[in-house]
């Protein structure tokens, strides 16, 4: 199931990556630094609100679908989740409208925030469908929905940006794209709730499972956004824009990568545990982490190595120098978070002990606030990047320690060492290439780095890549001979 998902979600994640880069290219040029910073702040608030209100439903859909069998239980599963989603959406919209109407803040920021918050219910309903598709192994549906929303959201956001809506434009795209997708996915999902009853005990169990996940995600948002608000307080919105641009380059690249692997990996781990037991789970987990390391380590190092030419190609001139300075640190942060969220953090969801996940993320979230208060006033953007990397490192360590008490997910240390050595060889070669600048340097560094890493990984047999390659070649030769 894992590898079927890996290849099945590949087109969607390529589209997500391209859309993410295009968003940086276009919005950092169409919007002013202040408008881009306003968007970044509103995006952080919007994300936190969505996580706090809706994410527990999405987590419950992802975890409990595989444990149900067709019949009354499955209908009750859908009925409980969707009726809860509709009720929460109504309350959410009323409360947000009242708060924004009474809030005496910057009118332009308030408009941007309203645009983002208004789209949260639609995003939740679409996300519920996506999680069900992934859990059921309906990869084409999940990937197609991802691609449609990503492309549609960018197109809508750019259109509003050209129309002069400033920082609200990207957020309008994020809200209207899933709203447009609802007629195509929601009726089919609601039919599965047909005849199902709302079982309070069931939904209470989902909440007890999902709310700690939502709270831990909220702490992750705090980890990723505290720096923006402190930069706005100690500096200005233009500084926030520069920071968000640099953050987006590194984080978007690696988040798309880890989300790709996680989209295939999380349901595969659940299925392995529910239908194969602990031994099958360990086998599947070892395979997944080996794949994560084989791809994630060189990707993070590569983003750090090409930070300057990447910023020259993607980011508007007013923001690129400052953005490039923080990109290597954010690349490290993204790698640490990817390992935390998409592998070691799965111990809590697999074991249904999500309260411990909340404890694991509380320490780095508090540490992040403290470090930002200390470092941002003195060092500015780079201080915020240092605080983020240090906090995510603590978060990874805490998740590994606490997670082992629930389900001890394996760590293939030999593969980690080999992947690290191959990455080091790549970094050494790329670091001595001539700094010719712009897209030429980006292409030179990327192509050379990929070739060197591939050769080193094969030579070292990192994550058994040489063995896998040999098996694939043997199958190809056998297939040709049979033909």
Protein backbone atom coordinates (compact mmCIF):
# COMPACT_ATOMS: atom_id res chain seq x y z
CA UNK A 1 0.00 0.00 0.00
CA UNK A 2 2.87 2.38 0.80
CA UNK A 3 4.57 2.19 -2.58
CA UNK A 4 1.28 2.26 -4.46
CA UNK A 5 0.52 5.48 -2.60
CA UNK A 6 4.02 6.88 -3.19
CA UNK A 7 3.69 6.54 -6.96
CA UNK A 8 0.01 7.41 -7.00
CA UNK A 9 0.48 10.69 -5.10
CA UNK A 10 3.57 11.69 -7.09
CA UNK A 11 1.69 13.72 -9.78
CA UNK A 12 -0.29 15.59 -7.12
CA UNK A 13 2.82 16.48 -5.18
CA UNK A 14 4.64 17.62 -8.31
CA UNK A 15 1.68 19.92 -8.97
CA UNK A 16 1.71 21.07 -5.33
CA UNK A 17 5.42 21.87 -5.59
CA UNK A 18 5.05 23.79 -8.84
CA UNK A 19 2.05 25.71 -7.51
CA UNK A 20 3.92 26.52 -4.30
CA UNK A 21 6.88 27.94 -6.20
CA UNK A 22 4.63 29.85 -8.59
CA UNK A 23 2.82 31.35 -5.62
CA UNK A 24 6.11 32.66 -4.25
CA UNK A 25 7.20 33.96 -7.66
CA UNK A 26 3.92 35.73 -8.38
CA UNK A 27 2.82 37.01 -5.00
CA UNK A 28 6.25 38.39 -4.04
CA UNK A 29 6.15 40.41 -7.27
CA UNK A 30 2.50 41.45 -7.44
CA UNK A 31 2.16 42.31 -3.75
CA UNK A 32 4.27 44.87 -1.94
CA UNK A 33 6.48 43.64 0.94
CA UNK A 34 3.93 45.07 3.40
CA UNK A 35 1.00 43.32 1.66
CA UNK A 36 2.90 40.05 1.52
CA UNK A 37 3.70 40.38 5.22
CA UNK A 38 0.02 41.11 5.97
CA UNK A 39 -0.93 37.96 4.09
CA UNK A 40 1.65 35.94 6.06
CA UNK A 41 0.24 37.12 9.39
CA UNK A 42 -3.37 36.46 8.36
CA UNK A 43 -2.40 33.03 7.00
CA UNK A 44 -0.91 32.12 10.39
CA UNK A 45 -4.07 33.16 12.25
CA UNK A 46 -6.28 31.37 9.72
CA UNK A 47 -4.24 28.17 10.04
CA UNK A 48 -4.38 28.28 13.83
CA UNK A 49 -8.15 28.80 13.82
CA UNK A 50 -8.72 25.94 11.38
CA UNK A 51 -6.54 23.58 13.39
CA UNK A 52 -8.19 24.51 16.69
CA UNK A 53 -11.75 23.99 15.44
CA UNK A 54 -11.71 21.41 12.63
CA UNK A 55 -8.55 19.28 12.64
CA UNK A 56 -9.83 16.76 15.19
CA UNK A 57 -12.51 15.71 12.71
CA UNK A 58 -9.96 15.19 9.95
CA UNK A 59 -7.70 13.18 12.27
CA UNK A 60 -10.60 10.94 13.31
CA UNK A 61 -11.54 10.25 9.69
CA UNK A 62 -7.93 9.29 8.88
CA UNK A 63 -7.51 6.98 11.88
CA UNK A 64 -10.87 5.24 12.39
CA UNK A 65 -12.09 4.53 8.86
CA UNK A 66 -9.94 1.39 8.51
CA UNK A 67 -11.28 0.00 11.80
CA UNK A 68 -14.91 0.11 10.57
CA UNK A 69 -16.72 -2.43 8.41
CA UNK A 70 -19.50 -1.58 5.95
CA UNK A 71 -22.87 -1.33 7.64
CA UNK A 72 -24.42 0.66 10.49
CA UNK A 73 -21.05 1.34 12.11
CA UNK A 74 -19.62 2.91 8.97
CA UNK A 75 -22.78 5.00 8.46
CA UNK A 76 -22.58 6.21 12.05
CA UNK A 77 -18.91 7.04 11.50
CA UNK A 78 -19.75 9.37 8.61
CA UNK A 79 -22.87 10.78 10.27
CA UNK A 80 -20.99 11.72 13.42
CA UNK A 81 -18.15 13.42 11.61
CA UNK A 82 -20.19 15.36 9.06
CA UNK A 83 -22.92 16.50 11.45
CA UNK A 84 -20.21 17.72 13.80
CA UNK A 85 -18.52 19.53 10.91
CA UNK A 86 -21.71 21.34 9.91
CA UNK A 87 -22.49 22.37 13.49
CA UNK A 88 -18.97 23.62 14.13
CA UNK A 89 -18.97 25.52 10.82
CA UNK A 90 -22.10 27.46 11.75
CA UNK A 91 -20.71 28.43 15.15
CA UNK A 92 -17.28 29.22 13.70
CA UNK A 93 -18.61 31.63 11.07
CA UNK A 94 -20.83 33.48 13.57
CA UNK A 95 -18.05 33.85 16.14
CA UNK A 96 -15.46 34.95 13.55
CA UNK A 97 -17.87 37.48 12.08
CA UNK A 98 -18.58 38.98 15.50
CA UNK A 99 -14.91 39.14 16.48
CA UNK A 100 -13.86 40.79 13.21
CA UNK A 101 -16.72 43.29 13.37
CA UNK A 102 -15.71 44.38 16.87
CA UNK A 103 -11.92 44.18 16.47
CA UNK A 104 -10.37 47.66 16.13
CA UNK A 105 -7.22 46.52 14.34
CA UNK A 106 -5.70 47.48 10.99
CA UNK A 107 -8.58 47.40 8.44
CA UNK A 108 -6.42 45.92 5.67
CA UNK A 109 -5.23 43.10 7.93
CA UNK A 110 -8.81 42.51 9.07
CA UNK A 111 -9.95 42.13 5.45
CA UNK A 112 -7.20 39.60 4.77
CA UNK A 113 -8.05 37.70 7.92
CA UNK A 114 -11.77 37.64 7.09
CA UNK A 115 -10.98 36.17 3.67
CA UNK A 116 -8.96 33.38 5.20
CA UNK A 117 -11.36 32.51 8.02
CA UNK A 118 -14.43 32.45 5.79
CA UNK A 119 -12.98 29.58 3.76
CA UNK A 120 -12.20 27.33 6.75
CA UNK A 121 -15.48 25.32 6.75
CA UNK A 122 -15.15 24.48 3.04
CA UNK A 123 -11.53 23.43 3.55
CA UNK A 124 -12.62 21.13 6.41
CA UNK A 125 -15.32 19.40 4.35
CA UNK A 126 -12.91 18.84 1.47
CA UNK A 127 -10.23 17.61 3.86
CA UNK A 128 -12.64 15.07 5.35
CA UNK A 129 -13.24 13.66 1.88
CA UNK A 130 -9.51 13.59 1.13
CA UNK A 131 -8.72 11.74 4.35
CA UNK A 132 -11.42 9.17 3.55
CA UNK A 133 -10.02 8.70 0.03
CA UNK A 134 -6.51 8.18 1.43
CA UNK A 135 -7.65 5.78 4.13
CA UNK A 136 -9.57 3.74 1.57
CA UNK A 137 -6.67 3.65 -0.86
CA UNK A 138 -8.59 5.69 -3.47
CA UNK A 139 -5.40 7.38 -4.54
CA UNK A 140 -6.60 8.80 -7.87
CA UNK A 141 -9.50 10.63 -6.19
CA UNK A 142 -7.34 12.05 -3.39
CA UNK A 143 -4.59 13.13 -5.78
CA UNK A 144 -7.02 14.63 -8.30
CA UNK A 145 -8.73 16.66 -5.60
CA UNK A 146 -5.36 17.91 -4.34
CA UNK A 147 -4.32 19.04 -7.81
CA UNK A 148 -7.61 20.75 -8.63
CA UNK A 149 -7.64 22.74 -5.39
CA UNK A 150 -3.97 23.71 -5.63
CA UNK A 151 -4.22 24.98 -9.21
CA UNK A 152 -7.60 26.60 -8.66
CA UNK A 153 -6.50 28.32 -5.46
CA UNK A 154 -3.45 29.81 -7.15
CA UNK A 155 -5.42 31.02 -10.17
CA UNK A 156 -8.11 32.63 -8.03
CA UNK A 157 -5.58 34.22 -5.70
CA UNK A 158 -3.49 35.68 -8.53
CA UNK A 159 -6.62 37.05 -10.16
CA UNK A 160 -7.64 38.86 -6.99
CA UNK A 161 -4.08 40.09 -6.50
CA UNK A 162 -4.07 41.66 -9.97
CA UNK A 163 -7.43 43.21 -9.09
CA UNK A 164 -5.76 45.00 -6.19
CA UNK A 165 -7.06 43.10 -3.16
CA UNK A 166 -3.59 43.02 -1.58
CA UNK A 167 -2.91 40.57 1.25
CA UNK A 168 -6.46 39.16 1.09
CA UNK A 169 -5.97 37.84 -2.46
CA UNK A 170 -4.03 34.60 -1.74
CA UNK A 171 -6.41 33.78 1.12
CA UNK A 172 -9.45 34.20 -1.11
CA UNK A 173 -7.92 31.60 -3.41
CA UNK A 174 -7.37 29.22 -0.49
CA UNK A 175 -11.03 29.54 0.51
CA UNK A 176 -12.85 29.66 -2.82
CA UNK A 177 -11.06 26.72 -4.47
CA UNK A 178 -12.28 24.10 -1.96
CA UNK A 179 -15.72 25.73 -1.98
CA UNK A 180 -15.88 25.19 -5.74
CA UNK A 181 -14.86 21.55 -5.27
CA UNK A 182 -17.57 20.72 -2.72
CA UNK A 183 -20.38 19.96 -5.22
CA UNK A 184 -18.19 17.28 -6.76
CA UNK A 185 -17.21 15.45 -3.54
CA UNK A 186 -19.65 16.27 -0.74
CA UNK A 187 -22.84 14.56 -2.06
CA UNK A 188 -21.06 11.23 -2.41
CA UNK A 189 -19.56 11.46 1.07
CA UNK A 190 -22.89 12.41 2.65
CA UNK A 191 -24.56 9.41 1.03
CA UNK A 192 -22.29 7.19 3.08
CA UNK A 193 -23.86 8.69 6.19
CA UNK A 194 -27.32 7.69 4.93
CA UNK A 195 -29.28 5.94 7.66
CA UNK A 196 -26.49 6.57 10.15
CA UNK A 197 -27.28 7.92 13.59
CA UNK A 198 -25.33 10.49 15.55
CA UNK A 199 -23.78 8.48 18.37
CA UNK A 200 -22.63 10.77 21.14
CA UNK A 201 -20.29 8.17 22.64
CA UNK A 202 -18.63 7.57 19.28
CA UNK A 203 -18.12 11.28 18.58
CA UNK A 204 -16.88 11.80 22.12
CA UNK A 205 -14.28 9.10 21.50
CA UNK A 206 -13.28 10.81 18.26
CA UNK A 207 -12.93 14.10 20.13
CA UNK A 208 -10.83 12.54 22.88
CA UNK A 209 -8.59 11.08 20.18
CA UNK A 210 -8.57 14.06 17.82
CA UNK A 211 -8.45 17.11 20.05
CA UNK A 212 -4.98 16.35 21.43
CA UNK A 213 -3.83 16.04 17.81
CA UNK A 214 -5.48 19.37 17.01
CA UNK A 215 -3.86 20.95 20.06
CA UNK A 216 -0.45 19.57 19.10
CA UNK A 217 -0.93 20.89 15.56
CA UNK A 218 -1.88 24.25 17.05
CA UNK A 219 1.37 24.20 18.99
CA UNK A 220 3.16 23.40 15.73
CA UNK A 221 1.51 26.45 14.17
CA UNK A 222 2.74 28.46 17.13
CA UNK A 223 6.20 27.07 16.48
CA UNK A 224 5.97 28.13 12.84
CA UNK A 225 4.30 31.53 13.29
CA UNK A 226 5.37 33.11 16.58
CA UNK A 227 8.39 34.53 14.81
CA UNK A 228 6.20 36.40 12.30
CA UNK A 229 4.21 38.22 14.98
CA UNK A 230 7.33 39.12 16.94
CA UNK A 231 9.03 40.35 13.77
CA UNK A 232 5.98 42.53 13.15
CA UNK A 233 6.14 43.82 16.72
CA UNK A 234 9.89 44.48 16.84
CA UNK A 235 10.41 45.38 13.17
CA UNK A 236 7.64 45.83 10.55
CA UNK A 237 5.36 43.99 8.11
CA UNK A 238 8.00 44.22 5.35
CA UNK A 239 10.34 42.16 7.55
CA UNK A 240 7.54 39.63 8.01
CA UNK A 241 7.16 39.47 4.24
CA UNK A 242 10.87 38.79 3.72
CA UNK A 243 10.88 36.14 6.43
CA UNK A 244 7.77 34.43 5.06
CA UNK A 245 9.23 34.41 1.56
CA UNK A 246 12.43 32.69 2.72
CA UNK A 247 10.47 30.36 4.97
CA UNK A 248 8.17 29.42 2.10
CA UNK A 249 11.03 28.47 -0.23
CA UNK A 250 12.50 25.90 2.13
CA UNK A 251 9.43 24.79 3.99
CA UNK A 252 7.24 24.46 0.91
CA UNK A 253 9.83 22.37 -0.92
CA UNK A 254 10.33 19.92 1.92
CA UNK A 255 6.76 19.97 3.21
CA UNK A 256 5.50 18.91 -0.21
CA UNK A 257 8.08 16.13 -0.19
CA UNK A 258 7.18 14.86 3.27
CA UNK A 259 3.47 15.29 2.64
CA UNK A 260 3.87 13.13 -0.45
CA UNK A 261 5.50 10.35 1.55
CA UNK A 262 3.19 10.90 4.51
CA UNK A 263 0.05 10.73 2.38
CA UNK A 264 1.09 7.24 1.36
CA UNK A 265 2.76 6.28 4.64
CA UNK A 266 0.22 7.17 7.32
CA UNK A 267 -2.69 5.09 5.98
CA UNK A 268 -0.25 2.26 5.17
CA UNK A 269 0.93 2.17 8.79
CA UNK A 270 -2.64 2.18 10.09
CA UNK A 271 -3.59 -0.64 7.73
CA UNK A 272 -0.45 -2.62 8.66
CA UNK A 273 -1.26 -2.38 12.37
CA UNK A 274 -5.01 -2.99 12.11
CA UNK A 275 -4.78 -5.92 9.71
CA UNK A 276 -1.24 -7.26 10.14
CA UNK A 277 -0.26 -6.68 13.76
CA UNK A 278 2.90 -5.32 15.39
CA UNK A 279 5.38 -7.28 13.27
CA UNK A 280 3.88 -6.03 10.01
CA UNK A 281 3.84 -2.51 11.41
CA UNK A 282 7.57 -2.57 12.22
CA UNK A 283 8.38 -3.89 8.77
CA UNK A 284 6.33 -1.17 7.09
CA UNK A 285 7.72 1.54 9.39
CA UNK A 286 11.34 0.56 8.75
CA UNK A 287 10.74 0.72 5.01
CA UNK A 288 9.10 4.14 5.29
CA UNK A 289 11.79 5.78 7.41
CA UNK A 290 14.51 4.42 5.12
CA UNK A 291 12.70 6.02 2.18
CA UNK A 292 12.25 9.28 4.10
CA UNK A 293 15.96 9.46 4.84
CA UNK A 294 17.01 8.54 1.32
CA UNK A 295 14.97 11.42 -0.12
CA UNK A 296 14.64 13.90 2.75
CA UNK A 297 18.27 14.33 3.81
CA UNK A 298 19.62 15.33 0.37
CA UNK A 299 16.53 17.45 -0.31
CA UNK A 300 17.06 19.53 2.84
CA UNK A 301 20.79 19.87 2.19
CA UNK A 302 20.11 20.77 -1.44
CA UNK A 303 17.69 23.55 -0.56
CA UNK A 304 20.22 24.99 1.89
CA UNK A 305 23.02 24.84 -0.69
CA UNK A 306 21.05 26.64 -3.43
CA UNK A 307 19.39 29.22 -1.15
CA UNK A 308 20.87 32.26 -2.90
CA UNK A 309 20.26 31.33 -6.57
CA UNK A 310 16.86 29.92 -5.63
CA UNK A 311 15.89 33.25 -4.07
CA UNK A 312 17.18 35.11 -7.13
CA UNK A 313 14.92 33.03 -9.37
CA UNK A 314 11.79 32.82 -7.23
CA UNK A 315 11.55 35.90 -5.00
CA UNK A 316 10.96 39.53 -5.88
CA UNK A 317 14.00 41.78 -5.72
CA UNK A 318 12.92 43.66 -2.58
CA UNK A 319 12.71 40.48 -0.52
CA UNK A 320 15.28 38.07 -1.92
CA UNK A 321 18.48 38.97 -0.01
CA UNK A 322 16.90 38.72 3.42
CA UNK A 323 14.94 35.64 2.42
CA UNK A 324 18.03 33.78 1.20
CA UNK A 325 19.81 34.35 4.51
CA UNK A 326 17.27 32.32 6.51
CA UNK A 327 16.52 29.57 3.96
CA UNK A 328 19.21 27.09 5.16
CA UNK A 329 17.94 27.25 8.74
CA UNK A 330 14.34 26.80 7.65
CA UNK A 331 15.40 23.83 5.51
CA UNK A 332 16.80 22.22 8.66
CA UNK A 333 13.60 23.06 10.54
CA UNK A 334 11.45 21.53 7.80
CA UNK A 335 13.47 18.30 7.86
CA UNK A 336 13.15 18.04 11.65
CA UNK A 337 9.42 18.71 11.51
CA UNK A 338 8.93 16.22 8.69
CA UNK A 339 10.54 13.43 10.70
CA UNK A 340 8.48 14.42 13.73
CA UNK A 341 5.08 14.71 12.09
CA UNK A 342 5.24 12.07 9.40
CA UNK A 343 7.13 9.32 11.19
CA UNK A 344 7.91 9.49 14.91
CA UNK A 345 4.65 11.28 15.73
CA UNK A 346 2.72 8.39 14.19
CA UNK A 347 3.42 6.37 17.34
CA UNK A 348 0.80 8.43 19.21
CA UNK A 349 -1.91 8.10 16.57
CA UNK A 350 -1.25 4.41 15.96
CA UNK A 351 -1.41 3.72 19.69
CA UNK A 352 -4.40 6.09 20.13
CA UNK A 353 -2.48 7.91 22.90
CA UNK A 354 -2.73 11.35 21.38
CA UNK A 355 -2.56 13.18 24.72
CA UNK A 356 1.15 12.32 24.80
CA UNK A 357 1.59 14.01 21.41
CA UNK A 358 0.31 17.21 22.96
CA UNK A 359 2.89 16.90 25.74
CA UNK A 360 5.64 16.26 23.19
CA UNK A 361 4.89 19.50 21.32
CA UNK A 362 4.24 21.72 24.36
CA UNK A 363 7.92 22.02 25.33
CA UNK A 364 9.24 23.14 21.91
CA UNK A 365 6.29 25.53 21.47
CA UNK A 366 7.07 27.30 24.74
CA UNK A 367 10.79 27.21 23.94
CA UNK A 368 10.11 28.82 20.57
CA UNK A 369 8.33 31.79 22.15
CA UNK A 370 11.15 32.28 24.66
CA UNK A 371 13.91 32.01 22.06
CA UNK A 372 12.14 34.41 19.70
CA UNK A 373 11.72 36.97 22.48
CA UNK A 374 15.45 36.71 23.15
CA UNK A 375 16.82 36.46 19.60
CA UNK A 376 14.50 38.53 17.39
CA UNK A 377 15.16 41.93 19.06
CA UNK A 378 18.92 41.35 18.81
CA UNK A 379 19.38 39.44 15.54
CA UNK A 380 16.19 40.08 13.55
CA UNK A 381 15.30 37.60 10.81
CA UNK A 382 18.21 35.23 11.37
CA UNK A 383 17.42 35.11 15.09
CA UNK A 384 13.89 33.97 14.30
CA UNK A 385 15.28 31.26 12.01
CA UNK A 386 17.67 30.04 14.72
CA UNK A 387 14.81 29.87 17.22
CA UNK A 388 12.67 27.85 14.81
CA UNK A 389 15.40 25.30 14.06
CA UNK A 390 16.29 24.83 17.74
CA UNK A 391 12.63 24.40 18.73
CA UNK A 392 11.88 21.82 16.06
CA UNK A 393 15.00 19.92 17.11
CA UNK A 394 13.72 19.74 20.69
CA UNK A 395 10.30 18.72 19.35
CA UNK A 396 11.80 15.80 17.42
CA UNK A 397 13.75 14.60 20.46
CA UNK A 398 10.69 14.83 22.75
CA UNK A 399 8.51 12.99 20.22
CA UNK A 400 11.03 10.18 19.85
CA UNK A 401 11.39 9.70 23.63
CA UNK A 402 7.67 9.81 24.48
CA UNK A 403 6.61 7.88 21.38
CA UNK A 404 8.79 4.89 22.25
CA UNK A 405 6.74 4.38 25.42
CA UNK A 406 3.65 3.76 23.27
CA UNK A 407 4.88 2.11 20.07
CA UNK A 408 8.61 1.79 19.45
CA UNK A 409 8.94 2.68 15.78
CA UNK A 410 12.26 1.33 14.44
CA UNK A 411 15.22 3.49 13.43
CA UNK A 412 17.43 1.88 10.74
CA UNK A 413 20.69 3.46 11.94
CA UNK A 414 22.87 1.90 9.27
CA UNK A 415 20.73 3.43 6.54
CA UNK A 416 20.80 6.78 8.33
CA UNK A 417 24.60 6.77 8.36
CA UNK A 418 24.81 5.81 4.68
CA UNK A 419 22.31 8.46 3.59
CA UNK A 420 24.17 11.06 5.68
CA UNK A 421 27.51 10.13 4.08
CA UNK A 422 26.02 10.34 0.57
CA UNK A 423 24.50 13.72 1.42
CA UNK A 424 27.85 14.94 2.77
CA UNK A 425 29.61 13.98 -0.46
CA UNK A 426 26.96 15.85 -2.45
CA UNK A 427 27.26 18.95 -0.26
CA UNK A 428 31.07 18.96 -0.57
CA UNK A 429 30.94 18.86 -4.37
CA UNK A 430 28.18 21.47 -4.74
CA UNK A 431 29.88 23.87 -2.31
CA UNK A 432 32.93 24.21 -4.61
CA UNK A 433 30.96 24.92 -7.80
CA UNK A 434 31.35 28.46 -9.22
CA UNK A 435 28.78 31.05 -7.99
CA UNK A 436 27.59 32.17 -11.43
CA UNK A 437 24.23 33.34 -10.10
CA UNK A 438 20.60 33.10 -11.16
CA UNK A 439 18.94 30.20 -12.93
CA UNK A 440 22.23 29.01 -14.46
CA UNK A 441 23.74 28.45 -11.01
CA UNK A 442 20.54 26.87 -9.77
CA UNK A 443 20.49 24.36 -12.63
CA UNK A 444 24.22 23.63 -12.33
CA UNK A 445 24.04 23.04 -8.59
CA UNK A 446 20.84 20.99 -8.78
CA UNK A 447 21.90 18.71 -11.63
CA UNK A 448 25.39 18.18 -10.24
CA UNK A 449 24.10 17.58 -6.74
CA UNK A 450 21.50 15.06 -7.88
CA UNK A 451 24.04 13.15 -9.97
CA UNK A 452 26.65 13.07 -7.21
CA UNK A 453 24.13 12.00 -4.58
CA UNK A 454 22.73 9.25 -6.81
CA UNK A 455 26.23 7.89 -7.44
CA UNK A 456 27.18 8.07 -3.76
CA UNK A 457 23.90 6.47 -2.64
CA UNK A 458 24.38 3.60 -5.09
CA UNK A 459 27.99 3.12 -4.06
CA UNK A 460 27.07 3.05 -0.35
CA UNK A 461 23.83 1.12 -0.95
CA UNK A 462 22.02 3.77 1.10
CA UNK A 463 18.56 2.53 2.16
CA UNK A 464 19.29 -0.60 0.07
CA UNK A 465 18.84 1.49 -3.09
CA UNK A 466 21.41 -0.60 -4.99
CA UNK A 467 19.58 -3.83 -4.11
CA UNK A 468 16.23 -2.35 -5.17
CA UNK A 469 17.73 -1.08 -8.43
CA UNK A 470 19.23 -4.49 -9.18
CA UNK A 471 15.87 -6.21 -8.58
CA UNK A 472 14.09 -3.74 -10.87
CA UNK A 473 16.67 -4.28 -13.62
CA UNK A 474 16.36 -8.06 -13.24
CA UNK A 475 12.59 -7.84 -13.57
CA UNK A 476 12.97 -5.69 -16.66
CA UNK A 477 15.39 -8.20 -18.25
CA UNK A 478 13.09 -11.10 -17.42
CA UNK A 479 10.14 -9.23 -18.89
CA UNK A 480 12.01 -8.54 -22.13
CA UNK A 481 13.14 -12.18 -22.37
CA UNK A 482 9.60 -13.42 -21.87
CA UNK A 483 8.32 -11.06 -24.54
